Full PDB file with SEQRES, HELIX, SHEET, SSBOND, CRYST1, ORIGX, SCALE, CONECT and MASTER records, all heavy atoms in Angstrom:
SEQRES   1 A   43  PHE SER LEU ILE ARG LEU ALA ARG LYS THR ILE PRO ASN          
SEQRES   2 A   43  ALA MET LYS ILE MET VAL ALA GLY GLY ARG GLU LEU MET          
SEQRES   3 A   43  PHE GLY GLU GLU GLN TYR LYS ILE PHE GLU ASN GLY ALA          
SEQRES   4 A   43  ASN ALA PHE VAL                                              
HELIX    1 AA1 SER A    2  THR A   10  1                                   9    
HELIX    2 AA2 ARG A   23  PHE A   27  1                                   5    
HELIX    3 AA3 GLY A   28  PHE A   35  5                                   8    
SHEET    1 AA1 2 MET A  18  VAL A  19  0                                        
SHEET    2 AA1 2 ALA A  41  PHE A  42  1                                        
CRYST1    1.000    1.000    1.000  90.00  90.00  90.00 P 1           1          
ORIGX1      1.000000  0.000000  0.000000        0.00000                         
ORIGX2      0.000000  1.000000  0.000000        0.00000                         
ORIGX3      0.000000  0.000000  1.000000        0.00000                         
SCALE1      1.000000  0.000000  0.000000        0.00000                         
SCALE2      0.000000  1.000000  0.000000        0.00000                         
SCALE3      0.000000  0.000000  1.000000        0.00000                         
ATOM      1  N   PHE A   1      38.995-116.839 183.320  1.00  0.00           N  
ATOM      2  CA  PHE A   1      39.296-117.397 181.998  1.00  0.00           C  
ATOM      3  C   PHE A   1      39.205-116.312 180.925  1.00  0.00           C  
ATOM      4  O   PHE A   1      40.046-116.250 180.021  1.00  0.00           O  
ATOM      5  CB  PHE A   1      38.323-118.536 181.659  1.00  0.00           C  
ATOM      6  CG  PHE A   1      38.669-119.858 182.275  1.00  0.00           C  
ATOM      7  CD1 PHE A   1      37.705-120.592 182.963  1.00  0.00           C  
ATOM      8  CD2 PHE A   1      39.945-120.397 182.167  1.00  0.00           C  
ATOM      9  CE1 PHE A   1      38.018-121.825 183.524  1.00  0.00           C  
ATOM     10  CE2 PHE A   1      40.273-121.626 182.732  1.00  0.00           C  
ATOM     11  CZ  PHE A   1      39.297-122.343 183.419  1.00  0.00           C  
ATOM     12  N   SER A   2      38.196-115.461 181.043  1.00  0.00           N  
ATOM     13  CA  SER A   2      38.024-114.404 180.034  1.00  0.00           C  
ATOM     14  C   SER A   2      39.197-113.419 180.065  1.00  0.00           C  
ATOM     15  O   SER A   2      39.570-112.865 179.025  1.00  0.00           O  
ATOM     16  CB  SER A   2      36.699-113.666 180.246  1.00  0.00           C  
ATOM     17  OG  SER A   2      36.754-112.813 181.374  1.00  0.00           O  
ATOM     18  N   LEU A   3      39.796-113.219 181.239  1.00  0.00           N  
ATOM     19  CA  LEU A   3      40.935-112.300 181.346  1.00  0.00           C  
ATOM     20  C   LEU A   3      42.186-112.888 180.705  1.00  0.00           C  
ATOM     21  O   LEU A   3      43.020-112.158 180.165  1.00  0.00           O  
ATOM     22  CB  LEU A   3      41.182-111.933 182.804  1.00  0.00           C  
ATOM     23  CG  LEU A   3      40.129-110.995 183.394  1.00  0.00           C  
ATOM     24  CD1 LEU A   3      40.280-110.885 184.906  1.00  0.00           C  
ATOM     25  CD2 LEU A   3      40.209-109.616 182.748  1.00  0.00           C  
ATOM     26  N   ILE A   4      42.341-114.201 180.768  1.00  0.00           N  
ATOM     27  CA  ILE A   4      43.459-114.835 180.054  1.00  0.00           C  
ATOM     28  C   ILE A   4      43.282-114.610 178.556  1.00  0.00           C  
ATOM     29  O   ILE A   4      44.234-114.254 177.845  1.00  0.00           O  
ATOM     30  CB  ILE A   4      43.548-116.337 180.372  1.00  0.00           C  
ATOM     31  CG1 ILE A   4      43.785-116.565 181.861  1.00  0.00           C  
ATOM     32  CG2 ILE A   4      44.669-116.989 179.551  1.00  0.00           C  
ATOM     33  CD1 ILE A   4      43.709-118.029 182.282  1.00  0.00           C  
ATOM     34  N   ARG A   5      42.055-114.809 178.065  1.00  0.00           N  
ATOM     35  CA  ARG A   5      41.779-114.572 176.637  1.00  0.00           C  
ATOM     36  C   ARG A   5      42.036-113.117 176.263  1.00  0.00           C  
ATOM     37  O   ARG A   5      42.605-112.828 175.209  1.00  0.00           O  
ATOM     38  CB  ARG A   5      40.334-114.962 176.303  1.00  0.00           C  
ATOM     39  CG  ARG A   5      40.022-116.440 176.469  1.00  0.00           C  
ATOM     40  CD  ARG A   5      38.715-116.822 175.812  1.00  0.00           C  
ATOM     41  NE  ARG A   5      37.551-116.172 176.393  1.00  0.00           N  
ATOM     42  CZ  ARG A   5      36.856-116.631 177.434  1.00  0.00           C  
ATOM     43  NH1 ARG A   5      37.217-117.763 178.028  1.00  0.00           N  
ATOM     44  NH2 ARG A   5      35.792-115.978 177.885  1.00  0.00           N  
ATOM     45  N   LEU A   6      41.631-112.211 177.139  1.00  0.00           N  
ATOM     46  CA  LEU A   6      41.833-110.790 176.883  1.00  0.00           C  
ATOM     47  C   LEU A   6      43.317-110.434 176.849  1.00  0.00           C  
ATOM     48  O   LEU A   6      43.761-109.638 176.008  1.00  0.00           O  
ATOM     49  CB  LEU A   6      41.121-109.969 177.959  1.00  0.00           C  
ATOM     50  CG  LEU A   6      41.214-108.446 177.815  1.00  0.00           C  
ATOM     51  CD1 LEU A   6      40.553-107.975 176.523  1.00  0.00           C  
ATOM     52  CD2 LEU A   6      40.569-107.764 179.029  1.00  0.00           C  
ATOM     53  N   ALA A   7      44.101-111.048 177.749  1.00  0.00           N  
ATOM     54  CA  ALA A   7      45.549-110.799 177.759  1.00  0.00           C  
ATOM     55  C   ALA A   7      46.183-111.265 176.452  1.00  0.00           C  
ATOM     56  O   ALA A   7      47.005-110.554 175.852  1.00  0.00           O  
ATOM     57  CB  ALA A   7      46.196-111.496 178.950  1.00  0.00           C  
ATOM     58  N   ARG A   8      45.798-112.437 175.982  1.00  0.00           N  
ATOM     59  CA  ARG A   8      46.349-112.960 174.731  1.00  0.00           C  
ATOM     60  C   ARG A   8      45.977-112.060 173.553  1.00  0.00           C  
ATOM     61  O   ARG A   8      46.802-111.792 172.665  1.00  0.00           O  
ATOM     62  CB  ARG A   8      45.836-114.393 174.501  1.00  0.00           C  
ATOM     63  CG  ARG A   8      46.277-115.036 173.190  1.00  0.00           C  
ATOM     64  CD  ARG A   8      47.769-115.086 173.008  1.00  0.00           C  
ATOM     65  NE  ARG A   8      48.417-116.083 173.847  1.00  0.00           N  
ATOM     66  CZ  ARG A   8      49.738-116.238 173.937  1.00  0.00           C  
ATOM     67  NH1 ARG A   8      50.547-115.440 173.238  1.00  0.00           N  
ATOM     68  NH2 ARG A   8      50.265-117.157 174.705  1.00  0.00           N  
ATOM     69  N   LYS A   9      44.745-111.552 173.560  1.00  0.00           N  
ATOM     70  CA  LYS A   9      44.285-110.678 172.481  1.00  0.00           C  
ATOM     71  C   LYS A   9      44.977-109.317 172.533  1.00  0.00           C  
ATOM     72  O   LYS A   9      45.358-108.755 171.498  1.00  0.00           O  
ATOM     73  CB  LYS A   9      42.772-110.497 172.592  1.00  0.00           C  
ATOM     74  CG  LYS A   9      42.167-109.607 171.513  1.00  0.00           C  
ATOM     75  CD  LYS A   9      40.668-109.467 171.716  1.00  0.00           C  
ATOM     76  CE  LYS A   9      40.051-108.526 170.675  1.00  0.00           C  
ATOM     77  NZ  LYS A   9      38.593-108.346 170.898  1.00  0.00           N  
ATOM     78  N   THR A  10      45.160-108.792 173.752  1.00  0.00           N  
ATOM     79  CA  THR A  10      45.727-107.441 173.913  1.00  0.00           C  
ATOM     80  C   THR A  10      47.235-107.437 173.721  1.00  0.00           C  
ATOM     81  O   THR A  10      47.806-106.438 173.274  1.00  0.00           O  
ATOM     82  CB  THR A  10      45.393-106.893 175.316  1.00  0.00           C  
ATOM     83  OG1 THR A  10      43.990-107.023 175.558  1.00  0.00           O  
ATOM     84  CG2 THR A  10      45.778-105.430 175.456  1.00  0.00           C  
ATOM     85  N   ILE A  11      47.896-108.554 174.076  1.00  0.00           N  
ATOM     86  CA  ILE A  11      49.365-108.631 173.988  1.00  0.00           C  
ATOM     87  C   ILE A  11      49.729-109.828 173.100  1.00  0.00           C  
ATOM     88  O   ILE A  11      50.336-110.806 173.550  1.00  0.00           O  
ATOM     89  CB  ILE A  11      49.990-108.769 175.393  1.00  0.00           C  
ATOM     90  CG1 ILE A  11      49.258-107.868 176.400  1.00  0.00           C  
ATOM     91  CG2 ILE A  11      51.483-108.425 175.394  1.00  0.00           C  
ATOM     92  CD1 ILE A  11      49.553-108.160 177.843  1.00  0.00           C  
ATOM     93  N   PRO A  12      49.351-109.804 171.827  1.00  0.00           N  
ATOM     94  CA  PRO A  12      49.498-110.988 170.964  1.00  0.00           C  
ATOM     95  C   PRO A  12      50.936-111.401 170.700  1.00  0.00           C  
ATOM     96  O   PRO A  12      51.202-112.561 170.369  1.00  0.00           O  
ATOM     97  CB  PRO A  12      48.802-110.566 169.659  1.00  0.00           C  
ATOM     98  CG  PRO A  12      48.909-109.073 169.648  1.00  0.00           C  
ATOM     99  CD  PRO A  12      48.795-108.660 171.089  1.00  0.00           C  
ATOM    100  N   ASN A  13      51.878-110.458 170.849  1.00  0.00           N  
ATOM    101  CA  ASN A  13      53.270-110.767 170.525  1.00  0.00           C  
ATOM    102  C   ASN A  13      54.066-111.336 171.697  1.00  0.00           C  
ATOM    103  O   ASN A  13      55.250-111.655 171.544  1.00  0.00           O  
ATOM    104  CB  ASN A  13      53.964-109.523 169.984  1.00  0.00           C  
ATOM    105  CG  ASN A  13      53.357-109.053 168.666  1.00  0.00           C  
ATOM    106  OD1 ASN A  13      52.919-109.873 167.863  1.00  0.00           O  
ATOM    107  ND2 ASN A  13      53.304-107.756 168.459  1.00  0.00           N  
ATOM    108  N   ALA A  14      53.446-111.444 172.874  1.00  0.00           N  
ATOM    109  CA  ALA A  14      54.157-112.019 174.024  1.00  0.00           C  
ATOM    110  C   ALA A  14      54.448-113.489 173.760  1.00  0.00           C  
ATOM    111  O   ALA A  14      53.568-114.244 173.332  1.00  0.00           O  
ATOM    112  CB  ALA A  14      53.328-111.869 175.289  1.00  0.00           C  
ATOM    113  N   MET A  15      55.686-113.895 174.019  1.00  0.00           N  
ATOM    114  CA  MET A  15      56.038-115.300 173.845  1.00  0.00           C  
ATOM    115  C   MET A  15      55.260-116.186 174.810  1.00  0.00           C  
ATOM    116  O   MET A  15      54.855-117.296 174.483  1.00  0.00           O  
ATOM    117  CB  MET A  15      57.545-115.496 174.055  1.00  0.00           C  
ATOM    118  CG  MET A  15      58.008-116.927 173.835  1.00  0.00           C  
ATOM    119  SD  MET A  15      59.765-117.125 174.203  1.00  0.00           S  
ATOM    120  CE  MET A  15      60.490-116.115 172.916  1.00  0.00           C  
ATOM    121  N   LYS A  16      55.051-115.655 176.036  1.00  0.00           N  
ATOM    122  CA  LYS A  16      54.361-116.446 177.047  1.00  0.00           C  
ATOM    123  C   LYS A  16      53.276-115.613 177.728  1.00  0.00           C  
ATOM    124  O   LYS A  16      53.530-114.495 178.184  1.00  0.00           O  
ATOM    125  CB  LYS A  16      55.339-116.935 178.125  1.00  0.00           C  
ATOM    126  CG  LYS A  16      56.565-117.675 177.607  1.00  0.00           C  
ATOM    127  CD  LYS A  16      57.466-118.091 178.764  1.00  0.00           C  
ATOM    128  CE  LYS A  16      58.779-118.689 178.267  1.00  0.00           C  
ATOM    129  NZ  LYS A  16      59.839-117.683 178.143  1.00  0.00           N  
ATOM    130  N   ILE A  17      52.083-116.165 177.786  1.00  0.00           N  
ATOM    131  CA  ILE A  17      51.049-115.690 178.706  1.00  0.00           C  
ATOM    132  C   ILE A  17      51.021-116.731 179.818  1.00  0.00           C  
ATOM    133  O   ILE A  17      50.624-117.869 179.603  1.00  0.00           O  
ATOM    134  CB  ILE A  17      49.669-115.562 178.035  1.00  0.00           C  
ATOM    135  CG1 ILE A  17      49.718-114.563 176.875  1.00  0.00           C  
ATOM    136  CG2 ILE A  17      48.610-115.172 179.064  1.00  0.00           C  
ATOM    137  CD1 ILE A  17      49.917-113.118 177.291  1.00  0.00           C  
ATOM    138  N   MET A  18      51.500-116.342 180.984  1.00  0.00           N  
ATOM    139  CA  MET A  18      51.753-117.304 182.064  1.00  0.00           C  
ATOM    140  C   MET A  18      50.778-117.106 183.223  1.00  0.00           C  
ATOM    141  O   MET A  18      50.649-116.003 183.752  1.00  0.00           O  
ATOM    142  CB  MET A  18      53.187-117.137 182.583  1.00  0.00           C  
ATOM    143  CG  MET A  18      53.551-118.118 183.680  1.00  0.00           C  
ATOM    144  SD  MET A  18      55.307-118.040 184.132  1.00  0.00           S  
ATOM    145  CE  MET A  18      55.375-116.503 185.034  1.00  0.00           C  
ATOM    146  N   VAL A  19      50.105-118.167 183.608  1.00  0.00           N  
ATOM    147  CA  VAL A  19      49.265-118.123 184.801  1.00  0.00           C  
ATOM    148  C   VAL A  19      50.157-118.422 186.002  1.00  0.00           C  
ATOM    149  O   VAL A  19      50.805-119.469 186.061  1.00  0.00           O  
ATOM    150  CB  VAL A  19      48.096-119.112 184.701  1.00  0.00           C  
ATOM    151  CG1 VAL A  19      47.307-119.148 186.003  1.00  0.00           C  
ATOM    152  CG2 VAL A  19      47.181-118.709 183.545  1.00  0.00           C  
ATOM    153  N   ALA A  20      50.198-117.494 186.930  1.00  0.00           N  
ATOM    154  CA  ALA A  20      51.118-117.617 188.068  1.00  0.00           C  
ATOM    155  C   ALA A  20      50.327-117.798 189.357  1.00  0.00           C  
ATOM    156  O   ALA A  20      49.539-118.739 189.477  1.00  0.00           O  
ATOM    157  CB  ALA A  20      52.033-116.396 188.110  1.00  0.00           C  
ATOM    158  N   GLY A  21      50.504-116.914 190.342  1.00  0.00           N  
ATOM    159  CA  GLY A  21      49.877-117.088 191.640  1.00  0.00           C  
ATOM    160  C   GLY A  21      48.359-117.190 191.565  1.00  0.00           C  
ATOM    161  O   GLY A  21      47.711-116.474 190.817  1.00  0.00           O  
ATOM    162  N   GLY A  22      47.795-118.100 192.347  1.00  0.00           N  
ATOM    163  CA  GLY A  22      46.353-118.264 192.423  1.00  0.00           C  
ATOM    164  C   GLY A  22      45.768-119.269 191.454  1.00  0.00           C  
ATOM    165  O   GLY A  22      44.544-119.432 191.393  1.00  0.00           O  
ATOM    166  N   ARG A  23      46.605-119.950 190.666  1.00  0.00           N  
ATOM    167  CA  ARG A  23      46.098-120.903 189.664  1.00  0.00           C  
ATOM    168  C   ARG A  23      45.206-121.962 190.291  1.00  0.00           C  
ATOM    169  O   ARG A  23      44.075-122.205 189.847  1.00  0.00           O  
ATOM    170  CB  ARG A  23      47.273-121.569 188.943  1.00  0.00           C  
ATOM    171  CG  ARG A  23      46.867-122.797 188.105  1.00  0.00           C  
ATOM    172  CD  ARG A  23      47.988-123.286 187.219  1.00  0.00           C  
ATOM    173  NE  ARG A  23      49.167-123.702 187.927  1.00  0.00           N  
ATOM    174  CZ  ARG A  23      49.510-124.986 188.154  1.00  0.00           C  
ATOM    175  NH1 ARG A  23      48.723-125.970 187.761  1.00  0.00           N  
ATOM    176  NH2 ARG A  23      50.633-125.274 188.775  1.00  0.00           N  
ATOM    177  N   GLU A  24      45.700-122.613 191.327  1.00  0.00           N  
ATOM    178  CA  GLU A  24      44.965-123.731 191.921  1.00  0.00           C  
ATOM    179  C   GLU A  24      43.668-123.262 192.580  1.00  0.00           C  
ATOM    180  O   GLU A  24      42.607-123.890 192.432  1.00  0.00           O  
ATOM    181  CB  GLU A  24      45.844-124.451 192.958  1.00  0.00           C  
ATOM    182  CG  GLU A  24      47.097-125.100 192.373  1.00  0.00           C  
ATOM    183  CD  GLU A  24      48.292-124.154 192.260  1.00  0.00           C  
ATOM    184  OE1 GLU A  24      48.118-122.919 192.486  1.00  0.00           O  
ATOM    185  OE2 GLU A  24      49.388-124.617 191.923  1.00  0.00           O  
ATOM    186  N   LEU A  25      43.746-122.140 193.297  1.00  0.00           N  
ATOM    187  CA  LEU A  25      42.579-121.635 194.018  1.00  0.00           C  
ATOM    188  C   LEU A  25      41.507-121.117 193.056  1.00  0.00           C  
ATOM    189  O   LEU A  25      40.316-121.376 193.234  1.00  0.00           O  
ATOM    190  CB  LEU A  25      42.999-120.521 194.972  1.00  0.00           C  
ATOM    191  CG  LEU A  25      41.915-119.967 195.896  1.00  0.00           C  
ATOM    192  CD1 LEU A  25      41.406-121.035 196.847  1.00  0.00           C  
ATOM    193  CD2 LEU A  25      42.450-118.769 196.684  1.00  0.00           C  
ATOM    194  N   MET A  26      41.920-120.389 192.033  1.00  0.00           N  
ATOM    195  CA  MET A  26      40.964-119.789 191.114  1.00  0.00           C  
ATOM    196  C   MET A  26      40.323-120.815 190.181  1.00  0.00           C  
ATOM    197  O   MET A  26      39.114-120.799 189.938  1.00  0.00           O  
ATOM    198  CB  MET A  26      41.659-118.699 190.287  1.00  0.00           C  
ATOM    199  CG  MET A  26      40.775-118.066 189.209  1.00  0.00           C  
ATOM    200  SD  MET A  26      39.195-117.416 189.825  1.00  0.00           S  
ATOM    201  CE  MET A  26      39.773-116.004 190.769  1.00  0.00           C  
ATOM    202  N   PHE A  27      41.121-121.759 189.664  1.00  0.00           N  
ATOM    203  CA  PHE A  27      40.615-122.630 188.612  1.00  0.00           C  
ATOM    204  C   PHE A  27      40.298-124.049 189.066  1.00  0.00           C  
ATOM    205  O   PHE A  27      39.608-124.777 188.360  1.00  0.00           O  
ATOM    206  CB  PHE A  27      41.605-122.653 187.438  1.00  0.00           C  
ATOM    207  CG  PHE A  27      41.829-121.299 186.836  1.00  0.00           C  
ATOM    208  CD1 PHE A  27      43.006-120.599 187.069  1.00  0.00           C  
ATOM    209  CD2 PHE A  27      40.854-120.696 186.069  1.00  0.00           C  
ATOM    210  CE1 PHE A  27      43.212-119.342 186.526  1.00  0.00           C  
ATOM    211  CE2 PHE A  27      41.052-119.433 185.523  1.00  0.00           C  
ATOM    212  CZ  PHE A  27      42.231-118.757 185.746  1.00  0.00           C  
ATOM    213  N   GLY A  28      40.808-124.453 190.223  1.00  0.00           N  
ATOM    214  CA  GLY A  28      40.468-125.761 190.774  1.00  0.00           C  
ATOM    215  C   GLY A  28      40.676-126.901 189.797  1.00  0.00           C  
ATOM    216  O   GLY A  28      41.732-127.019 189.157  1.00  0.00           O  
ATOM    217  N   GLU A  29      39.646-127.731 189.635  1.00  0.00           N  
ATOM    218  CA  GLU A  29      39.748-128.913 188.770  1.00  0.00           C  
ATOM    219  C   GLU A  29      39.801-128.533 187.289  1.00  0.00           C  
ATOM    220  O   GLU A  29      40.060-129.384 186.436  1.00  0.00           O  
ATOM    221  CB  GLU A  29      38.571-129.862 189.027  1.00  0.00           C  
ATOM    222  CG  GLU A  29      37.228-129.383 188.530  1.00  0.00           C  
ATOM    223  CD  GLU A  29      36.538-128.341 189.412  1.00  0.00           C  
ATOM    224  OE1 GLU A  29      37.123-127.947 190.448  1.00  0.00           O  
ATOM    225  OE2 GLU A  29      35.424-127.929 189.053  1.00  0.00           O  
ATOM    226  N   GLU A  30      39.570-127.264 186.979  1.00  0.00           N  
ATOM    227  CA  GLU A  30      39.607-126.814 185.581  1.00  0.00           C  
ATOM    228  C   GLU A  30      40.888-126.054 185.252  1.00  0.00           C  
ATOM    229  O   GLU A  30      40.954-125.365 184.230  1.00  0.00           O  
ATOM    230  CB  GLU A  30      38.393-125.927 185.293  1.00  0.00           C  
ATOM    231  CG  GLU A  30      37.064-126.641 185.395  1.00  0.00           C  
ATOM    232  CD  GLU A  30      35.911-125.737 184.995  1.00  0.00           C  
ATOM    233  OE1 GLU A  30      35.665-124.743 185.698  1.00  0.00           O  
ATOM    234  OE2 GLU A  30      35.283-126.031 183.962  1.00  0.00           O  
ATOM    235  N   GLN A  31      41.914-126.194 186.098  1.00  0.00           N  
ATOM    236  CA  GLN A  31      43.094-125.347 185.923  1.00  0.00           C  
ATOM    237  C   GLN A  31      43.844-125.576 184.619  1.00  0.00           C  
ATOM    238  O   GLN A  31      44.492-124.656 184.104  1.00  0.00           O  
ATOM    239  CB  GLN A  31      44.038-125.477 187.110  1.00  0.00           C  
ATOM    240  CG  GLN A  31      44.591-126.861 187.342  1.00  0.00           C  
ATOM    241  CD  GLN A  31      45.273-126.961 188.704  1.00  0.00           C  
ATOM    242  OE1 GLN A  31      46.453-126.704 188.820  1.00  0.00           O  
ATOM    243  NE2 GLN A  31      44.508-127.315 189.725  1.00  0.00           N  
ATOM    244  N   TYR A  32      43.752-126.757 184.032  1.00  0.00           N  
ATOM    245  CA  TYR A  32      44.479-126.990 182.780  1.00  0.00           C  
ATOM    246  C   TYR A  32      43.711-126.452 181.572  1.00  0.00           C  
ATOM    247  O   TYR A  32      44.238-126.444 180.458  1.00  0.00           O  
ATOM    248  CB  TYR A  32      44.805-128.470 182.629  1.00  0.00           C  
ATOM    249  CG  TYR A  32      45.654-128.971 183.783  1.00  0.00           C  
ATOM    250  CD1 TYR A  32      45.089-129.720 184.816  1.00  0.00           C  
ATOM    251  CD2 TYR A  32      47.000-128.627 183.887  1.00  0.00           C  
ATOM    252  CE1 TYR A  32      45.851-130.129 185.902  1.00  0.00           C  
ATOM    253  CE2 TYR A  32      47.763-129.026 184.965  1.00  0.00           C  
ATOM    254  CZ  TYR A  32      47.185-129.783 185.975  1.00  0.00           C  
ATOM    255  OH  TYR A  32      47.932-130.177 187.053  1.00  0.00           O  
ATOM    256  N   LYS A  33      42.498-125.937 181.808  1.00  0.00           N  
ATOM    257  CA  LYS A  33      41.758-125.273 180.738  1.00  0.00           C  
ATOM    258  C   LYS A  33      42.327-123.888 180.449  1.00  0.00           C  
ATOM    259  O   LYS A  33      41.888-123.224 179.504  1.00  0.00           O  
ATOM    260  CB  LYS A  33      40.274-125.160 181.106  1.00  0.00           C  
ATOM    261  CG  LYS A  33      39.533-126.489 181.057  1.00  0.00           C  
ATOM    262  CD  LYS A  33      38.046-126.292 181.307  1.00  0.00           C  
ATOM    263  CE  LYS A  33      37.313-127.629 181.246  1.00  0.00           C  
ATOM    264  NZ  LYS A  33      35.851-127.440 181.515  1.00  0.00           N  
ATOM    265  N   ILE A  34      43.286-123.456 181.263  1.00  0.00           N  
ATOM    266  CA  ILE A  34      43.926-122.163 180.972  1.00  0.00           C  
ATOM    267  C   ILE A  34      44.542-122.177 179.580  1.00  0.00           C  
ATOM    268  O   ILE A  34      44.598-121.146 178.910  1.00  0.00           O  
ATOM    269  CB  ILE A  34      44.988-121.791 182.025  1.00  0.00           C  
ATOM    270  CG1 ILE A  34      46.108-122.839 182.087  1.00  0.00           C  
ATOM    271  CG2 ILE A  34      44.362-121.569 183.400  1.00  0.00           C  
ATOM    272  CD1 ILE A  34      47.285-122.465 182.998  1.00  0.00           C  
ATOM    273  N   PHE A  35      44.967-123.353 179.116  1.00  0.00           N  
ATOM    274  CA  PHE A  35      45.622-123.450 177.805  1.00  0.00           C  
ATOM    275  C   PHE A  35      44.613-123.307 176.675  1.00  0.00           C  
ATOM    276  O   PHE A  35      44.943-122.828 175.595  1.00  0.00           O  
ATOM    277  CB  PHE A  35      46.395-124.757 177.693  1.00  0.00           C  
ATOM    278  CG  PHE A  35      47.401-124.944 178.797  1.00  0.00           C  
ATOM    279  CD1 PHE A  35      47.323-126.035 179.647  1.00  0.00           C  
ATOM    280  CD2 PHE A  35      48.402-124.019 179.010  1.00  0.00           C  
ATOM    281  CE1 PHE A  35      48.235-126.203 180.686  1.00  0.00           C  
ATOM    282  CE2 PHE A  35      49.318-124.166 180.042  1.00  0.00           C  
ATOM    283  CZ  PHE A  35      49.227-125.271 180.882  1.00  0.00           C  
ATOM    284  N   GLU A  36      43.382-123.728 176.897  1.00  0.00           N  
ATOM    285  CA  GLU A  36      42.333-123.546 175.901  1.00  0.00           C  
ATOM    286  C   GLU A  36      41.956-122.077 175.765  1.00  0.00           C  
ATOM    287  O   GLU A  36      41.346-121.666 174.783  1.00  0.00           O  
ATOM    288  CB  GLU A  36      41.080-124.338 176.290  1.00  0.00           C  
ATOM    289  CG  GLU A  36      41.261-125.833 176.359  1.00  0.00           C  
ATOM    290  CD  GLU A  36      40.008-126.521 176.901  1.00  0.00           C  
ATOM    291  OE1 GLU A  36      38.923-125.916 176.823  1.00  0.00           O  
ATOM    292  OE2 GLU A  36      40.130-127.649 177.407  1.00  0.00           O  
ATOM    293  N   ASN A  37      42.311-121.293 176.783  1.00  0.00           N  
ATOM    294  CA  ASN A  37      41.908-119.892 176.819  1.00  0.00           C  
ATOM    295  C   ASN A  37      43.036-118.920 176.502  1.00  0.00           C  
ATOM    296  O   ASN A  37      42.869-117.711 176.655  1.00  0.00           O  
ATOM    297  CB  ASN A  37      41.310-119.583 178.184  1.00  0.00           C  
ATOM    298  CG  ASN A  37      39.933-120.201 178.362  1.00  0.00           C  
ATOM    299  OD1 ASN A  37      38.949-119.627 177.923  1.00  0.00           O  
ATOM    300  ND2 ASN A  37      39.863-121.379 178.968  1.00  0.00           N  
ATOM    301  N   GLY A  38      44.199-119.442 176.082  1.00  0.00           N  
ATOM    302  CA  GLY A  38      45.254-118.554 175.595  1.00  0.00           C  
ATOM    303  C   GLY A  38      46.556-118.564 176.358  1.00  0.00           C  
ATOM    304  O   GLY A  38      47.542-117.990 175.909  1.00  0.00           O  
ATOM    305  N   ALA A  39      46.593-119.185 177.540  1.00  0.00           N  
ATOM    306  CA  ALA A  39      47.861-119.283 178.269  1.00  0.00           C  
ATOM    307  C   ALA A  39      48.738-120.353 177.632  1.00  0.00           C  
ATOM    308  O   ALA A  39      48.242-121.310 177.037  1.00  0.00           O  
ATOM    309  CB  ALA A  39      47.604-119.618 179.732  1.00  0.00           C  
ATOM    310  N   ASN A  40      50.038-120.198 177.759  1.00  0.00           N  
ATOM    311  CA  ASN A  40      50.951-121.247 177.301  1.00  0.00           C  
ATOM    312  C   ASN A  40      52.105-121.446 178.282  1.00  0.00           C  
ATOM    313  O   ASN A  40      53.168-121.958 177.923  1.00  0.00           O  
ATOM    314  CB  ASN A  40      51.488-120.952 175.899  1.00  0.00           C  
ATOM    315  CG  ASN A  40      52.335-119.691 175.841  1.00  0.00           C  
ATOM    316  OD1 ASN A  40      52.212-118.811 176.687  1.00  0.00           O  
ATOM    317  ND2 ASN A  40      53.193-119.605 174.839  1.00  0.00           N  
ATOM    318  N   ALA A  41      51.890-121.025 179.546  1.00  0.00           N  
ATOM    319  CA  ALA A  41      52.929-121.183 180.576  1.00  0.00           C  
ATOM    320  C   ALA A  41      52.280-121.102 181.948  1.00  0.00           C  
ATOM    321  O   ALA A  41      51.235-120.466 182.118  1.00  0.00           O  
ATOM    322  CB  ALA A  41      53.988-120.092 180.432  1.00  0.00           C  
ATOM    323  N   PHE A  42      52.917-121.760 182.929  1.00  0.00           N  
ATOM    324  CA  PHE A  42      52.506-121.547 184.319  1.00  0.00           C  
ATOM    325  C   PHE A  42      53.676-121.775 185.251  1.00  0.00           C  
ATOM    326  O   PHE A  42      54.725-122.294 184.857  1.00  0.00           O  
ATOM    327  CB  PHE A  42      51.266-122.374 184.702  1.00  0.00           C  
ATOM    328  CG  PHE A  42      51.441-123.872 184.803  1.00  0.00           C  
ATOM    329  CD1 PHE A  42      52.172-124.461 185.824  1.00  0.00           C  
ATOM    330  CD2 PHE A  42      50.795-124.710 183.900  1.00  0.00           C  
ATOM    331  CE1 PHE A  42      52.286-125.830 185.933  1.00  0.00           C  
ATOM    332  CE2 PHE A  42      50.908-126.088 184.003  1.00  0.00           C  
ATOM    333  CZ  PHE A  42      51.655-126.652 185.021  1.00  0.00           C  
ATOM    334  N   VAL A  43      53.488-121.351 186.501  1.00  0.00           N  
ATOM    335  CA  VAL A  43      54.514-121.550 187.525  1.00  0.00           C  
ATOM    336  C   VAL A  43      54.376-122.950 188.075  1.00  0.00           C  
ATOM    337  O   VAL A  43      53.283-123.377 188.472  1.00  0.00           O  
ATOM    338  CB  VAL A  43      54.357-120.510 188.658  1.00  0.00           C  
ATOM    339  CG1 VAL A  43      55.281-120.839 189.827  1.00  0.00           C  
ATOM    340  CG2 VAL A  43      54.662-119.111 188.128  1.00  0.00           C  
TER     341      VAL A  43                                                      
MASTER        0    0    0    3    2    0    0    6  340    1    0    4          
END                                                                             
């Protein structure tokens, strides 16, 4: 989660910060919290 926040902070002008491979395995039941942490897209 902290790396998603870091990506958004480091690349603020990107239209999409997208969580791709490993979403389900890494985040499990909390996978939709990626949006609270700066992502705005997924596969």
